[in-house]
Amino acid sequence: MALTSLSYGLLSLYTMLVRTMFYCLPQIMTCRSASTPPSIPRSEG
């Protein structure tokens, strides 16, 4: 069936996306907390 193959492909893609998101999220948070990117200006005062 093509439907099972499609669903399996979507499932693998979804799991890969979630896995990369969980791997990259802590790094992004630590990098952002360490130094703010120039795209997001920090209010100094």
PDB file of N, CA and C in Angstrom:
ATOM      1  N   MET A   1       0.843  -1.208   0.000  1.00  0.00           N
ATOM      2  CA  MET A   1       0.000   0.000   0.000  1.00  0.00           C
ATOM      3  C   MET A   1       0.878   1.257   0.000  1.00  0.00           C
ATOM      4  N   ALA A   2       0.431   2.242  -0.743  1.00  0.00           N
ATOM      5  CA  ALA A   2       1.178   3.496  -0.777  1.00  0.00           C
ATOM      6  C   ALA A   2       0.879   4.320   0.482  1.00  0.00           C
ATOM      7  N   LEU A   3      -0.302   4.090   1.052  1.00  0.00           N
ATOM      8  CA  LEU A   3      -0.710   4.862   2.222  1.00  0.00           C
ATOM      9  C   LEU A   3       0.186   4.546   3.415  1.00  0.00           C
ATOM     10  N   THR A   4       0.487   3.270   3.614  1.00  0.00           N
ATOM     11  CA  THR A   4       1.335   2.886   4.750  1.00  0.00           C
ATOM     12  C   THR A   4       2.745   3.440   4.564  1.00  0.00           C
ATOM     13  N   SER A   5       3.228   3.427   3.329  1.00  0.00           N
ATOM     14  CA  SER A   5       4.566   3.949   3.050  1.00  0.00           C
ATOM     15  C   SER A   5       4.606   5.451   3.309  1.00  0.00           C
ATOM     16  N   LEU A   6       3.546   6.143   2.903  1.00  0.00           N
ATOM     17  CA  LEU A   6       3.477   7.585   3.102  1.00  0.00           C
ATOM     18  C   LEU A   6       3.414   7.913   4.586  1.00  0.00           C
ATOM     19  N   SER A   7       2.585   7.172   5.318  1.00  0.00           N
ATOM     20  CA  SER A   7       2.446   7.424   6.752  1.00  0.00           C
ATOM     21  C   SER A   7       3.752   7.121   7.479  1.00  0.00           C
ATOM     22  N   TYR A   8       4.462   6.073   7.025  1.00  0.00           N
ATOM     23  CA  TYR A   8       5.740   5.719   7.640  1.00  0.00           C
ATOM     24  C   TYR A   8       6.778   6.803   7.371  1.00  0.00           C
ATOM     25  N   GLY A   9       6.758   7.344   6.160  1.00  0.00           N
ATOM     26  CA  GLY A   9       7.690   8.416   5.809  1.00  0.00           C
ATOM     27  C   GLY A   9       7.416   9.665   6.636  1.00  0.00           C
ATOM     28  N   LEU A  10       6.136  10.007   6.796  1.00  0.00           N
ATOM     29  CA  LEU A  10       5.770  11.176   7.589  1.00  0.00           C
ATOM     30  C   LEU A  10       6.145  10.964   9.051  1.00  0.00           C
ATOM     31  N   LEU A  11       5.954   9.747   9.544  1.00  0.00           N
ATOM     32  CA  LEU A  11       6.269   9.444  10.940  1.00  0.00           C
ATOM     33  C   LEU A  11       7.765   9.567  11.190  1.00  0.00           C
ATOM     34  N   SER A  12       8.567   9.025  10.268  1.00  0.00           N
ATOM     35  CA  SER A  12      10.020   9.100  10.422  1.00  0.00           C
ATOM     36  C   SER A  12      10.490  10.555  10.331  1.00  0.00           C
ATOM     37  N   LEU A  13       9.867  11.324   9.431  1.00  0.00           N
ATOM     38  CA  LEU A  13      10.221  12.729   9.283  1.00  0.00           C
ATOM     39  C   LEU A  13       9.865  13.504  10.551  1.00  0.00           C
ATOM     40  N   TYR A  14       8.696  13.193  11.124  1.00  0.00           N
ATOM     41  CA  TYR A  14       8.247  13.870  12.333  1.00  0.00           C
ATOM     42  C   TYR A  14       9.160  13.549  13.509  1.00  0.00           C
ATOM     43  N   THR A  15       9.538  12.279  13.635  1.00  0.00           N
ATOM     44  CA  THR A  15      10.418  11.878  14.739  1.00  0.00           C
ATOM     45  C   THR A  15      11.791  12.535  14.587  1.00  0.00           C
ATOM     46  N   MET A  16      12.274  12.633  13.340  1.00  0.00           N
ATOM     47  CA  MET A  16      13.567  13.264  13.095  1.00  0.00           C
ATOM     48  C   MET A  16      13.493  14.751  13.444  1.00  0.00           C
ATOM     49  N   LEU A  17      12.381  15.392  13.094  1.00  0.00           N
ATOM     50  CA  LEU A  17      12.206  16.806  13.384  1.00  0.00           C
ATOM     51  C   LEU A  17      12.180  17.045  14.888  1.00  0.00           C
ATOM     52  N   VAL A  18      11.423  16.212  15.608  1.00  0.00           N
ATOM     53  CA  VAL A  18      11.327  16.346  17.063  1.00  0.00           C
ATOM     54  C   VAL A  18      12.682  16.081  17.713  1.00  0.00           C
ATOM     55  N   ARG A  19      13.398  15.094  17.173  1.00  0.00           N
ATOM     56  CA  ARG A  19      14.710  14.749  17.734  1.00  0.00           C
ATOM     57  C   ARG A  19      15.691  15.905  17.567  1.00  0.00           C
ATOM     58  N   THR A  20      15.719  16.492  16.368  1.00  0.00           N
ATOM     59  CA  THR A  20      16.626  17.613  16.122  1.00  0.00           C
ATOM     60  C   THR A  20      16.208  18.827  16.961  1.00  0.00           C
ATOM     61  N   MET A  21      14.894  19.001  17.152  1.00  0.00           N
ATOM     62  CA  MET A  21      14.402  20.118  17.943  1.00  0.00           C
ATOM     63  C   MET A  21      14.846  19.963  19.393  1.00  0.00           C
ATOM     64  N   PHE A  22      14.741  18.734  19.926  1.00  0.00           N
ATOM     65  CA  PHE A  22      15.148  18.503  21.311  1.00  0.00           C
ATOM     66  C   PHE A  22      16.657  18.627  21.470  1.00  0.00           C
ATOM     67  N   TYR A  23      17.402  18.311  20.412  1.00  0.00           N
ATOM     68  CA  TYR A  23      18.861  18.424  20.481  1.00  0.00           C
ATOM     69  C   TYR A  23      19.301  19.883  20.378  1.00  0.00           C
ATOM     70  N   CYS A  24      18.634  20.655  19.533  1.00  0.00           N
ATOM     71  CA  CYS A  24      19.065  22.026  19.270  1.00  0.00           C
ATOM     72  C   CYS A  24      18.512  23.020  20.289  1.00  0.00           C
ATOM     73  N   LEU A  25      17.384  22.688  20.915  1.00  0.00           N
ATOM     74  CA  LEU A  25      16.740  23.631  21.824  1.00  0.00           C
ATOM     75  C   LEU A  25      17.641  24.030  22.991  1.00  0.00           C
ATOM     76  N   PRO A  26      18.248  23.092  23.725  1.00  0.00           N
ATOM     77  CA  PRO A  26      19.127  23.478  24.842  1.00  0.00           C
ATOM     78  C   PRO A  26      20.314  24.324  24.384  1.00  0.00           C
ATOM     79  N   GLN A  27      20.876  23.989  23.221  1.00  0.00           N
ATOM     80  CA  GLN A  27      22.017  24.746  22.711  1.00  0.00           C
ATOM     81  C   GLN A  27      21.599  26.172  22.379  1.00  0.00           C
ATOM     82  N   ILE A  28      20.414  26.321  21.781  1.00  0.00           N
ATOM     83  CA  ILE A  28      19.908  27.647  21.432  1.00  0.00           C
ATOM     84  C   ILE A  28      19.655  28.461  22.702  1.00  0.00           C
ATOM     85  N   MET A  29      19.079  27.816  23.718  1.00  0.00           N
ATOM     86  CA  MET A  29      18.775  28.513  24.963  1.00  0.00           C
ATOM     87  C   MET A  29      20.059  28.958  25.657  1.00  0.00           C
ATOM     88  N   THR A  30      21.057  28.078  25.706  1.00  0.00           N
ATOM     89  CA  THR A  30      22.316  28.416  26.369  1.00  0.00           C
ATOM     90  C   THR A  30      23.047  29.507  25.597  1.00  0.00           C
ATOM     91  N   CYS A  31      23.007  29.418  24.271  1.00  0.00           N
ATOM     92  CA  CYS A  31      23.693  30.408  23.444  1.00  0.00           C
ATOM     93  C   CYS A  31      23.007  31.763  23.594  1.00  0.00           C
ATOM     94  N   ARG A  32      21.686  31.750  23.655  1.00  0.00           N
ATOM     95  CA  ARG A  32      20.935  32.998  23.776  1.00  0.00           C
ATOM     96  C   ARG A  32      21.155  33.615  25.157  1.00  0.00           C
ATOM     97  N   SER A  33      21.216  32.770  26.188  1.00  0.00           N
ATOM     98  CA  SER A  33      21.412  33.294  27.539  1.00  0.00           C
ATOM     99  C   SER A  33      22.838  33.814  27.704  1.00  0.00           C
ATOM    100  N   ALA A  34      23.778  33.177  27.004  1.00  0.00           N
ATOM    101  CA  ALA A  34      25.177  33.593  27.103  1.00  0.00           C
ATOM    102  C   ALA A  34      25.390  34.930  26.397  1.00  0.00           C
ATOM    103  N   SER A  35      24.908  35.040  25.173  1.00  0.00           N
ATOM    104  CA  SER A  35      25.080  36.285  24.430  1.00  0.00           C
ATOM    105  C   SER A  35      23.874  36.494  23.527  1.00  0.00           C
ATOM    106  N   THR A  36      23.282  37.667  23.607  1.00  0.00           N
ATOM    107  CA  THR A  36      22.103  37.947  22.799  1.00  0.00           C
ATOM    108  C   THR A  36      22.517  38.251  21.369  1.00  0.00           C
ATOM    109  N   PRO A  37      21.813  37.692  20.390  1.00  0.00           N
ATOM    110  CA  PRO A  37      22.112  37.965  18.983  1.00  0.00           C
ATOM    111  C   PRO A  37      21.791  39.414  18.628  1.00  0.00           C
ATOM    112  N   PRO A  38      22.462  39.984  17.634  1.00  0.00           N
ATOM    113  CA  PRO A  38      22.246  41.380  17.254  1.00  0.00           C
ATOM    114  C   PRO A  38      20.843  41.640  16.723  1.00  0.00           C
ATOM    115  N   SER A  39      20.140  40.557  16.313  1.00  0.00           N
ATOM    116  CA  SER A  39      18.796  40.740  15.776  1.00  0.00           C
ATOM    117  C   SER A  39      17.831  41.141  16.889  1.00  0.00           C
ATOM    118  N   ILE A  40      18.151  40.740  18.140  1.00  0.00           N
ATOM    119  CA  ILE A  40      17.287  41.076  19.275  1.00  0.00           C
ATOM    120  C   ILE A  40      18.030  42.068  20.170  1.00  0.00           C
ATOM    121  N   PRO A  41      17.710  43.349  20.052  1.00  0.00           N
ATOM    122  CA  PRO A  41      18.398  44.367  20.860  1.00  0.00           C
ATOM    123  C   PRO A  41      18.013  44.272  22.330  1.00  0.00           C
ATOM    124  N   ARG A  42      19.006  44.348  23.207  1.00  0.00           N
ATOM    125  CA  ARG A  42      18.735  44.291  24.646  1.00  0.00           C
ATOM    126  C   ARG A  42      18.561  45.715  25.178  1.00  0.00           C
ATOM    127  N   SER A  43      17.537  45.911  25.989  1.00  0.00           N
ATOM    128  CA  SER A  43      17.276  47.243  26.528  1.00  0.00           C
ATOM    129  C   SER A  43      18.281  47.550  27.633  1.00  0.00           C
ATOM    130  N   GLU A  44      19.116  48.557  27.397  1.00  0.00           N
ATOM    131  CA  GLU A  44      20.118  48.929  28.392  1.00  0.00           C
ATOM    132  C   GLU A  44      19.645  50.161  29.152  1.00  0.00           C
ATOM    133  N   GLY A  45      19.886  50.155  30.492  1.00  0.00           N
ATOM    134  CA  GLY A  45      19.422  51.296  31.226  1.00  0.00           C
ATOM    135  C   GLY A  45      19.734  51.250  32.683  1.00  0.00           C
TER     136      GLY A  45
END
